[in-house]
C-alpha atoms as a PDB file:
ATOM      1  CA  UNK A   1     237.860 111.194 -92.593  1.00  0.00           C
ATOM      2  CA  UNK A   2     239.702 112.715 -95.548  1.00  0.00           C
ATOM      3  CA  UNK A   3     237.088 112.805 -98.297  1.00  0.00           C
ATOM      4  CA  UNK A   4     239.342 113.831-101.170  1.00  0.00           C
ATOM      5  CA  UNK A   5     242.029 111.362-100.167  1.00  0.00           C
ATOM      6  CA  UNK A   6     239.644 108.433-100.325  1.00  0.00           C
ATOM      7  CA  UNK A   7     239.212 109.009-104.051  1.00  0.00           C
ATOM      8  CA  UNK A   8     242.847 109.740-104.883  1.00  0.00           C
ATOM      9  CA  UNK A   9     243.805 107.965-108.078  1.00  0.00           C
ATOM     10  CA  UNK A  10     240.462 106.232-108.468  1.00  0.00           C
ATOM     11  CA  UNK A  11     240.884 106.256-112.199  1.00  0.00           C
ATOM     12  CA  UNK A  12     244.132 104.328-111.824  1.00  0.00           C
ATOM     13  CA  UNK A  13     242.849 101.647-109.439  1.00  0.00           C
ATOM     14  CA  UNK A  14     243.037  98.986-112.139  1.00  0.00           C
ATOM     15  CA  UNK A  15     246.706  99.690-112.840  1.00  0.00           C
ATOM     16  CA  UNK A  16     248.669  96.485-112.192  1.00  0.00           C
ATOM     17  CA  UNK A  17     251.955  98.307-111.604  1.00  0.00           C
ATOM     18  CA  UNK A  18     250.978 100.618-108.742  1.00  0.00           C
ATOM     19  CA  UNK A  19     250.906  99.436-105.135  1.00  0.00           C
ATOM     20  CA  UNK A  20     247.641 100.462-103.493  1.00  0.00           C
ATOM     21  CA  UNK A  21     247.998 101.833 -99.958  1.00  0.00           C
ATOM     22  CA  UNK A  22     245.626 102.828 -97.147  1.00  0.00           C
ATOM     23  CA  UNK A  23     246.940 105.240 -94.496  1.00  0.00           C
ATOM     24  CA  UNK A  24     245.678 105.307 -90.901  1.00  0.00           C
ATOM     25  CA  UNK A  25     247.047 108.043 -88.627  1.00  0.00           C
ATOM     26  CA  UNK A  26     245.260 110.442 -86.301  1.00  0.00           C
ATOM     27  CA  UNK A  27     247.439 113.384 -87.367  1.00  0.00           C
ATOM     28  CA  UNK A  28     246.352 114.954 -90.651  1.00  0.00           C
ATOM     29  CA  UNK A  29     249.818 116.347 -91.376  1.00  0.00           C
ATOM     30  CA  UNK A  30     251.300 112.860 -91.038  1.00  0.00           C
ATOM     31  CA  UNK A  31     248.647 111.434 -93.353  1.00  0.00           C
ATOM     32  CA  UNK A  32     249.242 114.152 -95.935  1.00  0.00           C
ATOM     33  CA  UNK A  33     253.005 113.798 -95.623  1.00  0.00           C
ATOM     34  CA  UNK A  34     252.829 110.055 -96.164  1.00  0.00           C
ATOM     35  CA  UNK A  35     250.462 110.526 -99.071  1.00  0.00           C
ATOM     36  CA  UNK A  36     252.837 112.990-100.775  1.00  0.00           C
ATOM     37  CA  UNK A  37     255.821 110.712-100.182  1.00  0.00           C
ATOM     38  CA  UNK A  38     254.104 107.578-101.445  1.00  0.00           C
ATOM     39  CA  UNK A  39     252.536 109.192-104.493  1.00  0.00           C
ATOM     40  CA  UNK A  40     255.881 110.729-105.460  1.00  0.00           C
ATOM     41  CA  UNK A  41     257.258 107.180-105.429  1.00  0.00           C
ATOM     42  CA  UNK A  42     254.502 105.815-107.665  1.00  0.00           C
ATOM     43  CA  UNK A  43     252.197 104.334-105.003  1.00  0.00           C
ATOM     44  CA  UNK A  44     248.430 104.796-105.194  1.00  0.00           C
ATOM     45  CA  UNK A  45     246.828 106.019-101.955  1.00  0.00           C
ATOM     46  CA  UNK A  46     243.297 104.601-102.100  1.00  0.00           C
ATOM     47  CA  UNK A  47     242.144 105.901 -98.729  1.00  0.00           C
ATOM     48  CA  UNK A  48     243.124 107.651 -95.518  1.00  0.00           C
ATOM     49  CA  UNK A  49     241.590 107.902 -92.062  1.00  0.00           C
ATOM     50  CA  UNK A  50     242.319 109.128 -88.538  1.00  0.00           C
ATOM     51  CA  UNK A  51     239.905 106.663 -86.927  1.00  0.00           C
ATOM     52  CA  UNK A  52     240.514 103.013 -86.053  1.00  0.00           C
ATOM     53  CA  UNK A  53     236.799 102.221 -86.344  1.00  0.00           C
ATOM     54  CA  UNK A  54     236.510 103.816 -89.768  1.00  0.00           C
ATOM     55  CA  UNK A  55     239.663 102.114 -91.033  1.00  0.00           C
ATOM     56  CA  UNK A  56     238.381  98.741 -89.832  1.00  0.00           C
ATOM     57  CA  UNK A  57     235.264  99.256 -91.970  1.00  0.00           C
ATOM     58  CA  UNK A  58     236.955 100.662 -95.059  1.00  0.00           C
ATOM     59  CA  UNK A  59     240.102  98.561 -95.471  1.00  0.00           C
ATOM     60  CA  UNK A  60     238.354  95.246 -96.305  1.00  0.00           C
ATOM     61  CA  UNK A  61     236.143  97.062 -98.846  1.00  0.00           C
ATOM     62  CA  UNK A  62     239.031  98.922-100.495  1.00  0.00           C
ATOM     63  CA  UNK A  63     241.383  95.925-100.279  1.00  0.00           C
ATOM     64  CA  UNK A  64     244.668  97.851-100.545  1.00  0.00           C
ATOM     65  CA  UNK A  65     247.908  95.990-101.198  1.00  0.00           C
ATOM     66  CA  UNK A  66     249.259  97.362 -97.911  1.00  0.00           C
ATOM     67  CA  UNK A  67     247.749  99.374 -95.049  1.00  0.00           C
ATOM     68  CA  UNK A  68     250.043 101.663 -93.049  1.00  0.00           C
ATOM     69  CA  UNK A  69     248.554 101.732 -89.546  1.00  0.00           C
ATOM     70  CA  UNK A  70     249.475 104.089 -86.713  1.00  0.00           C
ATOM     71  CA  UNK A  71     250.000 102.046 -83.545  1.00  0.00           C
ATOM     72  CA  UNK A  72     248.171 104.476 -81.218  1.00  0.00           C
ATOM     73  CA  UNK A  73     244.876 106.157 -82.029  1.00  0.00           C
ATOM     74  CA  UNK A  74     242.191 107.941 -79.989  1.00  0.00           C
ATOM     75  CA  UNK A  75     239.722 105.096 -80.538  1.00  0.00           C
ATOM     76  CA  UNK A  76     241.998 102.067 -80.666  1.00  0.00           C
ATOM     77  CA  UNK A  77     245.307 100.828 -82.030  1.00  0.00           C
ATOM     78  CA  UNK A  78     246.702  99.921 -85.406  1.00  0.00           C
ATOM     79  CA  UNK A  79     247.402  96.447 -84.053  1.00  0.00           C
ATOM     80  CA  UNK A  80     243.702  95.977 -83.275  1.00  0.00           C
ATOM     81  CA  UNK A  81     242.779  97.231 -86.743  1.00  0.00           C
ATOM     82  CA  UNK A  82     245.261  94.789 -88.290  1.00  0.00           C
ATOM     83  CA  UNK A  83     243.832  91.890 -86.307  1.00  0.00           C
ATOM     84  CA  UNK A  84     240.235  92.844 -87.104  1.00  0.00           C
ATOM     85  CA  UNK A  85     240.641  93.364 -90.845  1.00  0.00           C
ATOM     86  CA  UNK A  86     242.698  90.191 -91.222  1.00  0.00           C
ATOM     87  CA  UNK A  87     239.985  88.260 -89.410  1.00  0.00           C
ATOM     88  CA  UNK A  88     237.743  89.342 -92.301  1.00  0.00           C
ATOM     89  CA  UNK A  89     240.349  88.762 -95.034  1.00  0.00           C
ATOM     90  CA  UNK A  90     243.683  87.210 -94.095  1.00  0.00           C
ATOM     91  CA  UNK A  91     245.233  88.266 -97.411  1.00  0.00           C
ATOM     92  CA  UNK A  92     245.234  91.902 -96.254  1.00  0.00           C
ATOM     93  CA  UNK A  93     248.738  93.129 -95.425  1.00  0.00           C
ATOM     94  CA  UNK A  94     249.400  95.667 -92.682  1.00  0.00           C
ATOM     95  CA  UNK A  95     252.466  97.637 -91.646  1.00  0.00           C
ATOM     96  CA  UNK A  96     252.393  99.055 -88.110  1.00  0.00           C
ATOM     97  CA  UNK A  97     253.919 102.538 -87.833  1.00  0.00           C
ATOM     98  CA  UNK A  98     254.755 103.747 -84.344  1.00  0.00           C
ATOM     99  CA  UNK A  99     256.706 106.359 -82.399  1.00  0.00           C
ATOM    100  CA  UNK A 100     257.576 103.876 -79.641  1.00  0.00           C
ATOM    101  CA  UNK A 101     259.890 100.878 -79.637  1.00  0.00           C
ATOM    102  CA  UNK A 102     257.703  98.741 -77.376  1.00  0.00           C
ATOM    103  CA  UNK A 103     258.329  95.011 -76.877  1.00  0.00           C
ATOM    104  CA  UNK A 104     254.703  94.319 -75.985  1.00  0.00           C
ATOM    105  CA  UNK A 105     253.488  96.144 -79.098  1.00  0.00           C
ATOM    106  CA  UNK A 106     256.006  94.232 -81.204  1.00  0.00           C
ATOM    107  CA  UNK A 107     254.621  90.976 -79.848  1.00  0.00           C
ATOM    108  CA  UNK A 108     251.074  92.204 -80.480  1.00  0.00           C
ATOM    109  CA  UNK A 109     251.925  93.113 -84.079  1.00  0.00           C
ATOM    110  CA  UNK A 110     253.338  89.640 -84.750  1.00  0.00           C
ATOM    111  CA  UNK A 111     250.310  87.917 -83.232  1.00  0.00           C
ATOM    112  CA  UNK A 112     247.919  90.198 -85.164  1.00  0.00           C
ATOM    113  CA  UNK A 113     249.488  89.006 -88.410  1.00  0.00           C
ATOM    114  CA  UNK A 114     251.128  92.307 -89.356  1.00  0.00           C
ATOM    115  CA  UNK A 115     253.751  92.215 -92.100  1.00  0.00           C
ATOM    116  CA  UNK A 116     256.028  94.474 -90.112  1.00  0.00           C
ATOM    117  CA  UNK A 117     256.498  97.007 -87.331  1.00  0.00           C
ATOM    118  CA  UNK A 118     258.512 100.158 -88.064  1.00  0.00           C
ATOM    119  CA  UNK A 119     259.332 103.316 -86.142  1.00  0.00           C
ATOM    120  CA  UNK A 120     258.198 106.711 -87.428  1.00  0.00           C
ATOM    121  CA  UNK A 121     261.832 107.836 -87.464  1.00  0.00           C
ATOM    122  CA  UNK A 122     262.371 105.462 -90.389  1.00  0.00           C
ATOM    123  CA  UNK A 123     263.818 107.147 -93.463  1.00  0.00           C
ATOM    124  CA  UNK A 124     261.568 107.663 -96.466  1.00  0.00           C
ATOM    125  CA  UNK A 125     263.540 105.274 -98.663  1.00  0.00           C
ATOM    126  CA  UNK A 126     263.482 102.603 -95.947  1.00  0.00           C
ATOM    127  CA  UNK A 127     259.710 102.964 -95.575  1.00  0.00           C
ATOM    128  CA  UNK A 128     259.284 102.643 -99.334  1.00  0.00           C
ATOM    129  CA  UNK A 129     261.380  99.484 -99.260  1.00  0.00           C
ATOM    130  CA  UNK A 130     259.353  98.096 -96.355  1.00  0.00           C
ATOM    131  CA  UNK A 131     256.096  98.737 -98.234  1.00  0.00           C
ATOM    132  CA  UNK A 132     257.391  97.002-101.353  1.00  0.00           C
ATOM    133  CA  UNK A 133     258.402  93.976 -99.270  1.00  0.00           C
ATOM    134  CA  UNK A 134     255.076  93.894 -97.440  1.00  0.00           C
ATOM    135  CA  UNK A 135     253.157  94.154-100.727  1.00  0.00           C
ATOM    136  CA  UNK A 136     255.109  91.142-102.026  1.00  0.00           C
ATOM    137  CA  UNK A 137     253.953  89.176 -99.004  1.00  0.00           C
ATOM    138  CA  UNK A 138     257.299  89.242 -97.188  1.00  0.00           C
ATOM    139  CA  UNK A 139     257.557  89.532 -93.426  1.00  0.00           C
ATOM    140  CA  UNK A 140     259.708  92.322 -92.044  1.00  0.00           C
ATOM    141  CA  UNK A 141     260.045  90.518 -88.724  1.00  0.00           C
ATOM    142  CA  UNK A 142     263.153  88.516 -87.921  1.00  0.00           C
ATOM    143  CA  UNK A 143     262.142  84.901 -88.548  1.00  0.00           C
ATOM    144  CA  UNK A 144     263.688  83.684 -85.275  1.00  0.00           C
ATOM    145  CA  UNK A 145     261.936  86.381 -83.217  1.00  0.00           C
ATOM    146  CA  UNK A 146     258.591  85.670 -84.866  1.00  0.00           C
ATOM    147  CA  UNK A 147     258.941  81.941 -84.224  1.00  0.00           C
ATOM    148  CA  UNK A 148     259.848  82.513 -80.562  1.00  0.00           C
ATOM    149  CA  UNK A 149     256.820  84.768 -80.023  1.00  0.00           C
ATOM    150  CA  UNK A 150     254.411  82.306 -81.629  1.00  0.00           C
ATOM    151  CA  UNK A 151     256.012  79.327 -79.881  1.00  0.00           C
ATOM    152  CA  UNK A 152     255.871  81.142 -76.543  1.00  0.00           C
ATOM    153  CA  UNK A 153     252.139  81.636 -77.023  1.00  0.00           C
ATOM    154  CA  UNK A 154     251.595  77.942 -77.709  1.00  0.00           C
ATOM    155  CA  UNK A 155     253.794  76.573 -74.930  1.00  0.00           C
ATOM    156  CA  UNK A 156     252.079  75.908 -71.601  1.00  0.00           C
ATOM    157  CA  UNK A 157     253.490  77.854 -68.667  1.00  0.00           C
ATOM    158  CA  UNK A 158     255.959  75.922 -66.574  1.00  0.00           C
ATOM    159  CA  UNK A 159     254.831  75.360 -63.015  1.00  0.00           C
ATOM    160  CA  UNK A 160     257.377  76.132 -60.338  1.00  0.00           C
ATOM    161  CA  UNK A 161     258.421  72.684 -58.994  1.00  0.00           C
ATOM    162  CA  UNK A 162     258.216  74.082 -55.472  1.00  0.00           C
ATOM    163  CA  UNK A 163     254.576  74.959 -56.022  1.00  0.00           C
ATOM    164  CA  UNK A 164     253.980  71.555 -57.604  1.00  0.00           C
ATOM    165  CA  UNK A 165     255.112  69.995 -54.320  1.00  0.00           C
ATOM    166  CA  UNK A 166     252.250  71.636 -52.420  1.00  0.00           C
ATOM    167  CA  UNK A 167     249.066  69.781 -51.591  1.00  0.00           C
ATOM    168  CA  UNK A 168     245.859  71.014 -53.302  1.00  0.00           C
ATOM    169  CA  UNK A 169     244.782  72.634 -50.032  1.00  0.00           C
ATOM    170  CA  UNK A 170     248.146  74.380 -49.645  1.00  0.00           C
ATOM    171  CA  UNK A 171     247.956  75.641 -53.223  1.00  0.00           C
ATOM    172  CA  UNK A 172     244.536  77.117 -52.551  1.00  0.00           C
ATOM    173  CA  UNK A 173     245.831  78.837 -49.418  1.00  0.00           C
ATOM    174  CA  UNK A 174     248.805  80.149 -51.416  1.00  0.00           C
ATOM    175  CA  UNK A 175     246.418  81.532 -54.031  1.00  0.00           C
ATOM    176  CA  UNK A 176     244.494  83.423 -51.376  1.00  0.00           C
ATOM    177  CA  UNK A 177     247.697  84.666 -49.731  1.00  0.00           C
ATOM    178  CA  UNK A 178     248.626  86.025 -53.170  1.00  0.00           C
ATOM    179  CA  UNK A 179     245.324  87.919 -53.216  1.00  0.00           C
ATOM    180  CA  UNK A 180     246.294  89.620 -49.953  1.00  0.00           C
ATOM    181  CA  UNK A 181     243.831  87.844 -47.674  1.00  0.00           C
ATOM    182  CA  UNK A 182     244.584  87.434 -43.950  1.00  0.00           C
ATOM    183  CA  UNK A 183     244.534  84.033 -42.229  1.00  0.00           C
ATOM    184  CA  UNK A 184     241.106  84.818 -40.812  1.00  0.00           C
ATOM    185  CA  UNK A 185     239.737  85.792 -44.248  1.00  0.00           C
ATOM    186  CA  UNK A 186     241.238  82.664 -45.781  1.00  0.00           C
ATOM    187  CA  UNK A 187     239.652  80.584 -43.033  1.00  0.00           C
ATOM    188  CA  UNK A 188     236.252  82.149 -43.726  1.00  0.00           C
ATOM    189  CA  UNK A 189     236.659  81.513 -47.466  1.00  0.00           C
ATOM    190  CA  UNK A 190     237.760  77.893 -47.041  1.00  0.00           C
ATOM    191  CA  UNK A 191     235.635  77.112 -43.960  1.00  0.00           C
ATOM    192  CA  UNK A 192     238.740  76.393 -41.887  1.00  0.00           C
ATOM    193  CA  UNK A 193     239.818  77.445 -38.410  1.00  0.00           C
ATOM    194  CA  UNK A 194     242.277  80.345 -38.375  1.00  0.00           C
ATOM    195  CA  UNK A 195     244.830  78.150 -36.588  1.00  0.00           C
ATOM    196  CA  UNK A 196     244.529  75.527 -39.338  1.00  0.00           C
ATOM    197  CA  UNK A 197     245.164  78.172 -41.979  1.00  0.00           C
ATOM    198  CA  UNK A 198     248.202  79.352 -40.025  1.00  0.00           C
ATOM    199  CA  UNK A 199     249.565  75.804 -40.076  1.00  0.00           C
ATOM    200  CA  UNK A 200     249.004  75.579 -43.833  1.00  0.00           C
ATOM    201  CA  UNK A 201     250.795  78.888 -44.363  1.00  0.00           C
ATOM    202  CA  UNK A 202     253.765  77.750 -42.256  1.00  0.00           C
ATOM    203  CA  UNK A 203     253.955  74.502 -44.221  1.00  0.00           C
ATOM    204  CA  UNK A 204     253.782  76.083 -47.658  1.00  0.00           C
ATOM    205  CA  UNK A 205     256.331  78.771 -46.748  1.00  0.00           C
ATOM    206  CA  UNK A 206     258.749  76.034 -45.683  1.00  0.00           C
ATOM    207  CA  UNK A 207     258.216  74.122 -48.948  1.00  0.00           C
ATOM    208  CA  UNK A 208     258.688  77.287 -51.022  1.00  0.00           C
ATOM    209  CA  UNK A 209     261.758  78.328 -49.077  1.00  0.00           C
ATOM    210  CA  UNK A 210     260.233  81.611 -47.915  1.00  0.00           C
ATOM    211  CA  UNK A 211     260.351  83.135 -44.460  1.00  0.00           C
ATOM    212  CA  UNK A 212     257.431  85.585 -44.777  1.00  0.00           C
ATOM    213  CA  UNK A 213     254.009  85.436 -46.370  1.00  0.00           C
ATOM    214  CA  UNK A 214     254.763  88.678 -48.241  1.00  0.00           C
ATOM    215  CA  UNK A 215     257.424  86.764 -50.187  1.00  0.00           C
ATOM    216  CA  UNK A 216     254.798  84.192 -51.156  1.00  0.00           C
ATOM    217  CA  UNK A 217     252.403  86.958 -52.196  1.00  0.00           C
ATOM    218  CA  UNK A 218     255.057  88.555 -54.414  1.00  0.00           C
ATOM    219  CA  UNK A 219     255.839  85.135 -55.897  1.00  0.00           C
ATOM    220  CA  UNK A 220     252.184  84.641 -56.797  1.00  0.00           C
ATOM    221  CA  UNK A 221     252.010  88.100 -58.373  1.00  0.00           C
ATOM    222  CA  UNK A 222     254.806  87.131 -60.766  1.00  0.00           C
ATOM    223  CA  UNK A 223     253.643  83.546 -61.316  1.00  0.00           C
ATOM    224  CA  UNK A 224     249.840  83.793 -61.571  1.00  0.00           C
ATOM    225  CA  UNK A 225     249.450  80.436 -63.285  1.00  0.00           C
ATOM    226  CA  UNK A 226     251.578  78.500 -60.824  1.00  0.00           C
ATOM    227  CA  UNK A 227     248.934  78.198 -58.184  1.00  0.00           C
ATOM    228  CA  UNK A 228     246.367  76.612 -60.438  1.00  0.00           C
END
């Protein structure tokens, strides 16, 4: 925790013209560098922290206009902090700052309700612009990308039509094949004779268009919902 930083500009907190910012980063030099940059541009840094847990507690109380959150921290992630503080107050705005261009993290940031996701290589002027936009309530995400991510979450997974053609018993056998069980183990699990299981496996492989059970196992690994 940076004690002095948490009280920076306290006398100016009521100023309507200054954007109030909270900084979360586990590197003190990064925090101090961001603080210097933002304050030189007229922002008010109301708090700083290197801990996800501490930031999650302090941000709702401080209610900054924007929180700049490091994506990766020793005790969590900026995306988790964003999600947690917005679950307390959805008006809180968060900007995820990261060293990695990661598609999964991008998706996580959108779903957490972050205003944006920017790389640490971003220029100072671009970061300032991003913070101004976030403070105004704008989203830095491409509208089409954001819609696709949210829509993809809501849409049910499509079941492979080949799997849909299987009988319930064949689907259950396929599930267990996907878990790496042998015919004997599947028979014990389903109370079936090993020969019966072998017949089921032969039938489902034919319907799926596979020659070997390993192909079916790989298929199940990539389509975990298809065997339900």
